[in-house]
């Protein structure tokens, strides 16, 4: 979760030219959910570079999921969920 969030923050600043980013974390039914929302230019896609692909691989390696919504013009919302044992 940490690496996915830090990668999303880096991408928001570097590629999305975001002015602000919010990160929320919640524990829901044995799962920890992180949602990263930025006000950048949007249009993020996994096929354009290794950052988003790497985020997905890290999350899926711990049986988690990653969803992204990033229409052109923004905003970008990335939601990651991972099992949480405690």
PDB file of N, CA and C in Angstrom:
ATOM      1  N   UNK A   1       0.834  -1.185   0.000  1.00  0.00           N
ATOM      2  CA  UNK A   1       0.000   0.000   0.000  1.00  0.00           C
ATOM      3  C   UNK A   1       0.881   1.252   0.000  1.00  0.00           C
ATOM      4  N   UNK A   2       1.903   1.261   0.827  1.00  0.00           N
ATOM      5  CA  UNK A   2       2.799   2.413   0.909  1.00  0.00           C
ATOM      6  C   UNK A   2       3.401   2.744  -0.456  1.00  0.00           C
ATOM      7  N   UNK A   3       3.951   1.732  -1.137  1.00  0.00           N
ATOM      8  CA  UNK A   3       4.601   1.984  -2.422  1.00  0.00           C
ATOM      9  C   UNK A   3       3.610   2.433  -3.490  1.00  0.00           C
ATOM     10  N   UNK A   4       2.400   1.889  -3.463  1.00  0.00           N
ATOM     11  CA  UNK A   4       1.385   2.318  -4.429  1.00  0.00           C
ATOM     12  C   UNK A   4       1.010   3.781  -4.200  1.00  0.00           C
ATOM     13  N   UNK A   5       0.867   4.167  -2.942  1.00  0.00           N
ATOM     14  CA  UNK A   5       0.499   5.548  -2.639  1.00  0.00           C
ATOM     15  C   UNK A   5       1.625   6.505  -3.013  1.00  0.00           C
ATOM     16  N   UNK A   6       2.859   6.153  -2.679  1.00  0.00           N
ATOM     17  CA  UNK A   6       3.965   7.060  -3.020  1.00  0.00           C
ATOM     18  C   UNK A   6       4.145   7.171  -4.536  1.00  0.00           C
ATOM     19  N   UNK A   7       3.926   6.092  -5.257  1.00  0.00           N
ATOM     20  CA  UNK A   7       4.008   6.146  -6.724  1.00  0.00           C
ATOM     21  C   UNK A   7       2.899   7.032  -7.286  1.00  0.00           C
ATOM     22  N   UNK A   8       1.693   6.919  -6.728  1.00  0.00           N
ATOM     23  CA  UNK A   8       0.589   7.757  -7.186  1.00  0.00           C
ATOM     24  C   UNK A   8       0.873   9.238  -6.919  1.00  0.00           C
ATOM     25  N   UNK A   9       1.453   9.541  -5.774  1.00  0.00           N
ATOM     26  CA  UNK A   9       1.805  10.932  -5.459  1.00  0.00           C
ATOM     27  C   UNK A   9       2.863  11.461  -6.425  1.00  0.00           C
ATOM     28  N   UNK A  10       3.858  10.640  -6.704  1.00  0.00           N
ATOM     29  CA  UNK A  10       4.902  11.029  -7.650  1.00  0.00           C
ATOM     30  C   UNK A  10       4.312  11.287  -9.028  1.00  0.00           C
ATOM     31  N   UNK A  11       3.457  10.378  -9.489  1.00  0.00           N
ATOM     32  CA  UNK A  11       2.838  10.530 -10.803  1.00  0.00           C
ATOM     33  C   UNK A  11       1.962  11.776 -10.879  1.00  0.00           C
ATOM     34  N   UNK A  12       1.231  12.064  -9.801  1.00  0.00           N
ATOM     35  CA  UNK A  12       0.363  13.246  -9.788  1.00  0.00           C
ATOM     36  C   UNK A  12       1.179  14.519  -9.972  1.00  0.00           C
ATOM     37  N   UNK A  13       2.323  14.586  -9.300  1.00  0.00           N
ATOM     38  CA  UNK A  13       3.167  15.780  -9.399  1.00  0.00           C
ATOM     39  C   UNK A  13       3.928  15.836 -10.716  1.00  0.00           C
ATOM     40  N   UNK A  14       4.529  14.714 -11.086  1.00  0.00           N
ATOM     41  CA  UNK A  14       5.435  14.685 -12.234  1.00  0.00           C
ATOM     42  C   UNK A  14       4.704  14.707 -13.580  1.00  0.00           C
ATOM     43  N   UNK A  15       3.670  13.902 -13.694  1.00  0.00           N
ATOM     44  CA  UNK A  15       2.998  13.747 -14.983  1.00  0.00           C
ATOM     45  C   UNK A  15       1.654  14.479 -15.053  1.00  0.00           C
ATOM     46  N   UNK A  16       0.939  14.500 -13.929  1.00  0.00           N
ATOM     47  CA  UNK A  16      -0.386  15.108 -13.925  1.00  0.00           C
ATOM     48  C   UNK A  16      -0.388  16.593 -13.643  1.00  0.00           C
ATOM     49  N   UNK A  17       0.766  17.109 -13.190  1.00  0.00           N
ATOM     50  CA  UNK A  17       0.876  18.529 -12.848  1.00  0.00           C
ATOM     51  C   UNK A  17      -0.239  18.960 -11.891  1.00  0.00           C
ATOM     52  N   UNK A  18      -0.506  18.089 -10.905  1.00  0.00           N
ATOM     53  CA  UNK A  18      -1.572  18.348  -9.943  1.00  0.00           C
ATOM     54  C   UNK A  18      -1.193  19.479  -8.995  1.00  0.00           C
ATOM     55  N   UNK A  19      -2.183  20.276  -8.639  1.00  0.00           N
ATOM     56  CA  UNK A  19      -1.994  21.316  -7.643  1.00  0.00           C
ATOM     57  C   UNK A  19      -2.273  20.813  -6.241  1.00  0.00           C
ATOM     58  N   UNK A  20      -3.131  19.790  -6.140  1.00  0.00           N
ATOM     59  CA  UNK A  20      -3.428  19.186  -4.840  1.00  0.00           C
ATOM     60  C   UNK A  20      -3.754  17.712  -5.017  1.00  0.00           C
ATOM     61  N   UNK A  21      -3.486  16.969  -3.948  1.00  0.00           N
ATOM     62  CA  UNK A  21      -3.745  15.529  -3.923  1.00  0.00           C
ATOM     63  C   UNK A  21      -4.306  15.190  -2.551  1.00  0.00           C
ATOM     64  N   UNK A  22      -5.291  14.315  -2.517  1.00  0.00           N
ATOM     65  CA  UNK A  22      -5.784  13.822  -1.224  1.00  0.00           C
ATOM     66  C   UNK A  22      -5.592  12.314  -1.173  1.00  0.00           C
ATOM     67  N   UNK A  23      -5.275  11.833   0.014  1.00  0.00           N
ATOM     68  CA  UNK A  23      -5.115  10.401   0.257  1.00  0.00           C
ATOM     69  C   UNK A  23      -6.008  10.039   1.434  1.00  0.00           C
ATOM     70  N   UNK A  24      -6.869   9.056   1.229  1.00  0.00           N
ATOM     71  CA  UNK A  24      -7.698   8.560   2.323  1.00  0.00           C
ATOM     72  C   UNK A  24      -7.450   7.079   2.493  1.00  0.00           C
ATOM     73  N   UNK A  25      -7.422   6.636   3.722  1.00  0.00           N
ATOM     74  CA  UNK A  25      -7.260   5.225   4.054  1.00  0.00           C
ATOM     75  C   UNK A  25      -8.416   4.806   4.940  1.00  0.00           C
ATOM     76  N   UNK A  26      -8.907   3.599   4.701  1.00  0.00           N
ATOM     77  CA  UNK A  26      -9.994   3.072   5.518  1.00  0.00           C
ATOM     78  C   UNK A  26      -9.868   1.560   5.607  1.00  0.00           C
ATOM     79  N   UNK A  27     -10.271   1.029   6.731  1.00  0.00           N
ATOM     80  CA  UNK A  27     -10.327  -0.420   6.893  1.00  0.00           C
ATOM     81  C   UNK A  27     -11.783  -0.832   6.722  1.00  0.00           C
ATOM     82  N   UNK A  28     -12.029  -1.714   5.763  1.00  0.00           N
ATOM     83  CA  UNK A  28     -13.381  -2.136   5.428  1.00  0.00           C
ATOM     84  C   UNK A  28     -13.415  -3.653   5.303  1.00  0.00           C
ATOM     85  N   UNK A  29     -14.121  -4.312   6.224  1.00  0.00           N
ATOM     86  CA  UNK A  29     -14.331  -5.762   6.150  1.00  0.00           C
ATOM     87  C   UNK A  29     -13.057  -6.550   5.865  1.00  0.00           C
ATOM     88  N   UNK A  30     -12.034  -6.387   6.671  1.00  0.00           N
ATOM     89  CA  UNK A  30     -10.803  -7.146   6.497  1.00  0.00           C
ATOM     90  C   UNK A  30      -9.924  -6.680   5.352  1.00  0.00           C
ATOM     91  N   UNK A  31     -10.217  -5.521   4.825  1.00  0.00           N
ATOM     92  CA  UNK A  31      -9.457  -4.953   3.713  1.00  0.00           C
ATOM     93  C   UNK A  31      -9.051  -3.532   4.071  1.00  0.00           C
ATOM     94  N   UNK A  32      -7.854  -3.137   3.682  1.00  0.00           N
ATOM     95  CA  UNK A  32      -7.476  -1.732   3.793  1.00  0.00           C
ATOM     96  C   UNK A  32      -7.607  -1.119   2.405  1.00  0.00           C
ATOM     97  N   UNK A  33      -8.296   0.012   2.356  1.00  0.00           N
ATOM     98  CA  UNK A  33      -8.554   0.688   1.083  1.00  0.00           C
ATOM     99  C   UNK A  33      -7.865   2.049   1.110  1.00  0.00           C
ATOM    100  N   UNK A  34      -7.125   2.323   0.062  1.00  0.00           N
ATOM    101  CA  UNK A  34      -6.507   3.629  -0.107  1.00  0.00           C
ATOM    102  C   UNK A  34      -7.046   4.265  -1.367  1.00  0.00           C
ATOM    103  N   UNK A  35      -7.405   5.530  -1.258  1.00  0.00           N
ATOM    104  CA  UNK A  35      -7.885   6.255  -2.433  1.00  0.00           C
ATOM    105  C   UNK A  35      -7.058   7.522  -2.574  1.00  0.00           C
ATOM    106  N   UNK A  36      -6.469   7.675  -3.743  1.00  0.00           N
ATOM    107  CA  UNK A  36      -5.634   8.822  -4.047  1.00  0.00           C
ATOM    108  C   UNK A  36      -6.336   9.606  -5.156  1.00  0.00           C
ATOM    109  N   UNK A  37      -6.645  10.865  -4.885  1.00  0.00           N
ATOM    110  CA  UNK A  37      -7.355  11.713  -5.839  1.00  0.00           C
ATOM    111  C   UNK A  37      -6.534  12.966  -6.085  1.00  0.00           C
ATOM    112  N   UNK A  38      -6.318  13.297  -7.345  1.00  0.00           N
ATOM    113  CA  UNK A  38      -5.577  14.526  -7.646  1.00  0.00           C
ATOM    114  C   UNK A  38      -6.378  15.393  -8.609  1.00  0.00           C
ATOM    115  N   UNK A  39      -6.017  16.662  -8.654  1.00  0.00           N
ATOM    116  CA  UNK A  39      -6.706  17.608  -9.526  1.00  0.00           C
ATOM    117  C   UNK A  39      -5.893  17.918 -10.788  1.00  0.00           C
ATOM    118  N   UNK A  40      -5.072  16.967 -11.181  1.00  0.00           N
ATOM    119  CA  UNK A  40      -4.220  17.145 -12.353  1.00  0.00           C
ATOM    120  C   UNK A  40      -4.966  17.024 -13.663  1.00  0.00           C
ATOM    121  N   UNK A  41      -4.194  16.928 -14.725  1.00  0.00           N
ATOM    122  CA  UNK A  41      -4.770  16.968 -16.074  1.00  0.00           C
ATOM    123  C   UNK A  41      -5.396  15.661 -16.534  1.00  0.00           C
ATOM    124  N   UNK A  42      -5.242  14.572 -15.785  1.00  0.00           N
ATOM    125  CA  UNK A  42      -5.884  13.305 -16.134  1.00  0.00           C
ATOM    126  C   UNK A  42      -5.227  12.631 -17.327  1.00  0.00           C
ATOM    127  N   UNK A  43      -5.916  11.663 -17.878  1.00  0.00           N
ATOM    128  CA  UNK A  43      -5.421  10.943 -19.039  1.00  0.00           C
ATOM    129  C   UNK A  43      -4.384   9.879 -18.728  1.00  0.00           C
ATOM    130  N   UNK A  44      -4.242   9.505 -17.452  1.00  0.00           N
ATOM    131  CA  UNK A  44      -3.266   8.467 -17.088  1.00  0.00           C
ATOM    132  C   UNK A  44      -3.696   7.122 -17.674  1.00  0.00           C
ATOM    133  N   UNK A  45      -2.718   6.346 -18.139  1.00  0.00           N
ATOM    134  CA  UNK A  45      -2.989   5.028 -18.713  1.00  0.00           C
ATOM    135  C   UNK A  45      -1.817   4.100 -18.403  1.00  0.00           C
ATOM    136  N   UNK A  46      -2.127   2.873 -18.066  1.00  0.00           N
ATOM    137  CA  UNK A  46      -1.090   1.906 -17.712  1.00  0.00           C
ATOM    138  C   UNK A  46      -0.115   1.626 -18.830  1.00  0.00           C
ATOM    139  N   UNK A  47      -0.540   1.670 -20.047  1.00  0.00           N
ATOM    140  CA  UNK A  47       0.316   1.310 -21.173  1.00  0.00           C
ATOM    141  C   UNK A  47       1.402   2.316 -21.504  1.00  0.00           C
ATOM    142  N   UNK A  48       1.353   3.505 -20.913  1.00  0.00           N
ATOM    143  CA  UNK A  48       2.292   4.557 -21.290  1.00  0.00           C
ATOM    144  C   UNK A  48       3.628   4.494 -20.560  1.00  0.00           C
ATOM    145  N   UNK A  49       3.706   3.790 -19.456  1.00  0.00           N
ATOM    146  CA  UNK A  49       4.953   3.726 -18.702  1.00  0.00           C
ATOM    147  C   UNK A  49       4.907   2.594 -17.703  1.00  0.00           C
ATOM    148  N   UNK A  50       5.971   2.435 -16.967  1.00  0.00           N
ATOM    149  CA  UNK A  50       6.045   1.303 -16.047  1.00  0.00           C
ATOM    150  C   UNK A  50       5.499   1.624 -14.662  1.00  0.00           C
ATOM    151  N   UNK A  51       5.296   2.902 -14.314  1.00  0.00           N
ATOM    152  CA  UNK A  51       4.861   3.279 -12.974  1.00  0.00           C
ATOM    153  C   UNK A  51       3.530   2.677 -12.574  1.00  0.00           C
ATOM    154  N   UNK A  52       2.499   2.878 -13.376  1.00  0.00           N
ATOM    155  CA  UNK A  52       1.179   2.339 -13.053  1.00  0.00           C
ATOM    156  C   UNK A  52       1.153   0.825 -13.124  1.00  0.00           C
ATOM    157  N   UNK A  53       1.862   0.281 -14.088  1.00  0.00           N
ATOM    158  CA  UNK A  53       1.945  -1.175 -14.217  1.00  0.00           C
ATOM    159  C   UNK A  53       2.621  -1.764 -12.980  1.00  0.00           C
ATOM    160  N   UNK A  54       3.687  -1.116 -12.515  1.00  0.00           N
ATOM    161  CA  UNK A  54       4.391  -1.563 -11.320  1.00  0.00           C
ATOM    162  C   UNK A  54       3.524  -1.482 -10.078  1.00  0.00           C
ATOM    163  N   UNK A  55       2.705  -0.422  -9.996  1.00  0.00           N
ATOM    164  CA  UNK A  55       1.773  -0.312  -8.871  1.00  0.00           C
ATOM    165  C   UNK A  55       0.819  -1.496  -8.860  1.00  0.00           C
ATOM    166  N   UNK A  56       0.249  -1.802 -10.017  1.00  0.00           N
ATOM    167  CA  UNK A  56      -0.694  -2.921 -10.100  1.00  0.00           C
ATOM    168  C   UNK A  56      -0.011  -4.231  -9.719  1.00  0.00           C
ATOM    169  N   UNK A  57       1.202  -4.458 -10.207  1.00  0.00           N
ATOM    170  CA  UNK A  57       1.915  -5.699  -9.896  1.00  0.00           C
ATOM    171  C   UNK A  57       2.189  -5.830  -8.400  1.00  0.00           C
ATOM    172  N   UNK A  58       2.588  -4.736  -7.758  1.00  0.00           N
ATOM    173  CA  UNK A  58       2.846  -4.777  -6.313  1.00  0.00           C
ATOM    174  C   UNK A  58       1.569  -5.095  -5.530  1.00  0.00           C
ATOM    175  N   UNK A  59       0.474  -4.464  -5.906  1.00  0.00           N
ATOM    176  CA  UNK A  59      -0.794  -4.678  -5.198  1.00  0.00           C
ATOM    177  C   UNK A  59      -1.318  -6.094  -5.443  1.00  0.00           C
ATOM    178  N   UNK A  60      -1.253  -6.566  -6.684  1.00  0.00           N
ATOM    179  CA  UNK A  60      -1.737  -7.916  -6.984  1.00  0.00           C
ATOM    180  C   UNK A  60      -0.871  -8.994  -6.342  1.00  0.00           C
ATOM    181  N   UNK A  61       0.400  -8.690  -6.082  1.00  0.00           N
ATOM    182  CA  UNK A  61       1.292  -9.659  -5.433  1.00  0.00           C
ATOM    183  C   UNK A  61       0.850  -9.984  -4.008  1.00  0.00           C
ATOM    184  N   UNK A  62       0.076  -9.085  -3.395  1.00  0.00           N
ATOM    185  CA  UNK A  62      -0.444  -9.348  -2.048  1.00  0.00           C
ATOM    186  C   UNK A  62      -1.965  -9.570  -2.091  1.00  0.00           C
ATOM    187  N   UNK A  63      -2.446 -10.068  -3.229  1.00  0.00           N
ATOM    188  CA  UNK A  63      -3.861 -10.380  -3.452  1.00  0.00           C
ATOM    189  C   UNK A  63      -4.770  -9.159  -3.351  1.00  0.00           C
ATOM    190  N   UNK A  64      -4.244  -8.002  -3.753  1.00  0.00           N
ATOM    191  CA  UNK A  64      -5.036  -6.787  -3.745  1.00  0.00           C
ATOM    192  C   UNK A  64      -5.523  -6.419  -5.123  1.00  0.00           C
ATOM    193  N   UNK A  65      -6.223  -5.296  -5.191  1.00  0.00           N
ATOM    194  CA  UNK A  65      -6.742  -4.798  -6.459  1.00  0.00           C
ATOM    195  C   UNK A  65      -6.389  -3.317  -6.616  1.00  0.00           C
ATOM    196  N   UNK A  66      -6.334  -2.880  -7.849  1.00  0.00           N
ATOM    197  CA  UNK A  66      -6.100  -1.478  -8.177  1.00  0.00           C
ATOM    198  C   UNK A  66      -7.102  -1.079  -9.238  1.00  0.00           C
ATOM    199  N   UNK A  67      -7.784   0.031  -8.993  1.00  0.00           N
ATOM    200  CA  UNK A  67      -8.701   0.597  -9.986  1.00  0.00           C
ATOM    201  C   UNK A  67      -8.290   2.041 -10.221  1.00  0.00           C
ATOM    202  N   UNK A  68      -8.424   2.480 -11.453  1.00  0.00           N
ATOM    203  CA  UNK A  68      -8.048   3.845 -11.786  1.00  0.00           C
ATOM    204  C   UNK A  68      -9.098   4.453 -12.710  1.00  0.00           C
ATOM    205  N   UNK A  69      -9.425   5.709 -12.424  1.00  0.00           N
ATOM    206  CA  UNK A  69     -10.314   6.481 -13.286  1.00  0.00           C
ATOM    207  C   UNK A  69      -9.593   7.795 -13.550  1.00  0.00           C
ATOM    208  N   UNK A  70      -9.253   8.060 -14.811  1.00  0.00           N
ATOM    209  CA  UNK A  70      -8.445   9.232 -15.144  1.00  0.00           C
ATOM    210  C   UNK A  70      -8.839   9.788 -16.510  1.00  0.00           C
ATOM    211  N   UNK A  71     -10.015  10.412 -16.574  1.00  0.00           N
ATOM    212  CA  UNK A  71     -10.432  10.969 -17.862  1.00  0.00           C
ATOM    213  C   UNK A  71      -9.557  12.160 -18.251  1.00  0.00           C
ATOM    214  N   UNK A  72      -9.406  12.423 -19.541  1.00  0.00           N
ATOM    215  CA  UNK A  72      -8.671  13.615 -19.960  1.00  0.00           C
ATOM    216  C   UNK A  72      -9.267  14.855 -19.285  1.00  0.00           C
ATOM    217  N   UNK A  73      -8.416  15.698 -18.753  1.00  0.00           N
ATOM    218  CA  UNK A  73      -8.865  16.879 -18.022  1.00  0.00           C
ATOM    219  C   UNK A  73      -9.002  16.646 -16.532  1.00  0.00           C
ATOM    220  N   UNK A  74      -8.935  15.368 -16.121  1.00  0.00           N
ATOM    221  CA  UNK A  74      -8.951  15.022 -14.708  1.00  0.00           C
ATOM    222  C   UNK A  74     -10.344  14.969 -14.124  1.00  0.00           C
ATOM    223  N   UNK A  75     -10.471  14.674 -12.877  1.00  0.00           N
ATOM    224  CA  UNK A  75      -9.384  14.316 -11.971  1.00  0.00           C
ATOM    225  C   UNK A  75      -8.998  12.852 -12.134  1.00  0.00           C
ATOM    226  N   UNK A  76      -7.879  12.483 -11.539  1.00  0.00           N
ATOM    227  CA  UNK A  76      -7.465  11.085 -11.491  1.00  0.00           C
ATOM    228  C   UNK A  76      -7.778  10.539 -10.105  1.00  0.00           C
ATOM    229  N   UNK A  77      -8.423   9.376 -10.076  1.00  0.00           N
ATOM    230  CA  UNK A  77      -8.728   8.697  -8.812  1.00  0.00           C
ATOM    231  C   UNK A  77      -8.170   7.277  -8.922  1.00  0.00           C
ATOM    232  N   UNK A  78      -7.282   6.924  -7.997  1.00  0.00           N
ATOM    233  CA  UNK A  78      -6.726   5.579  -7.940  1.00  0.00           C
ATOM    234  C   UNK A  78      -7.172   4.966  -6.620  1.00  0.00           C
ATOM    235  N   UNK A  79      -7.764   3.778  -6.703  1.00  0.00           N
ATOM    236  CA  UNK A  79      -8.206   3.073  -5.512  1.00  0.00           C
ATOM    237  C   UNK A  79      -7.468   1.750  -5.426  1.00  0.00           C
ATOM    238  N   UNK A  80      -6.803   1.537  -4.293  1.00  0.00           N
ATOM    239  CA  UNK A  80      -6.094   0.274  -4.064  1.00  0.00           C
ATOM    240  C   UNK A  80      -6.706  -0.388  -2.838  1.00  0.00           C
ATOM    241  N   UNK A  81      -6.857  -1.711  -2.907  1.00  0.00           N
ATOM    242  CA  UNK A  81      -7.375  -2.477  -1.780  1.00  0.00           C
ATOM    243  C   UNK A  81      -6.497  -3.688  -1.564  1.00  0.00           C
ATOM    244  N   UNK A  82      -6.181  -3.937  -0.299  1.00  0.00           N
ATOM    245  CA  UNK A  82      -5.347  -5.087   0.076  1.00  0.00           C
ATOM    246  C   UNK A  82      -5.954  -5.769   1.284  1.00  0.00           C
ATOM    247  N   UNK A  83      -5.812  -7.094   1.375  1.00  0.00           N
ATOM    248  CA  UNK A  83      -6.273  -7.787   2.570  1.00  0.00           C
ATOM    249  C   UNK A  83      -5.547  -7.252   3.796  1.00  0.00           C
ATOM    250  N   UNK A  84      -6.264  -7.202   4.909  1.00  0.00           N
ATOM    251  CA  UNK A  84      -5.693  -6.714   6.163  1.00  0.00           C
ATOM    252  C   UNK A  84      -6.035  -7.730   7.252  1.00  0.00           C
ATOM    253  N   UNK A  85      -5.037  -8.395   7.779  1.00  0.00           N
ATOM    254  CA  UNK A  85      -5.253  -9.477   8.738  1.00  0.00           C
ATOM    255  C   UNK A  85      -5.663  -8.979  10.125  1.00  0.00           C
ATOM    256  N   UNK A  86      -5.307  -7.752  10.484  1.00  0.00           N
ATOM    257  CA  UNK A  86      -5.653  -7.315  11.841  1.00  0.00           C
ATOM    258  C   UNK A  86      -6.379  -6.000  11.854  1.00  0.00           C
TER     259      UNK A  86
END
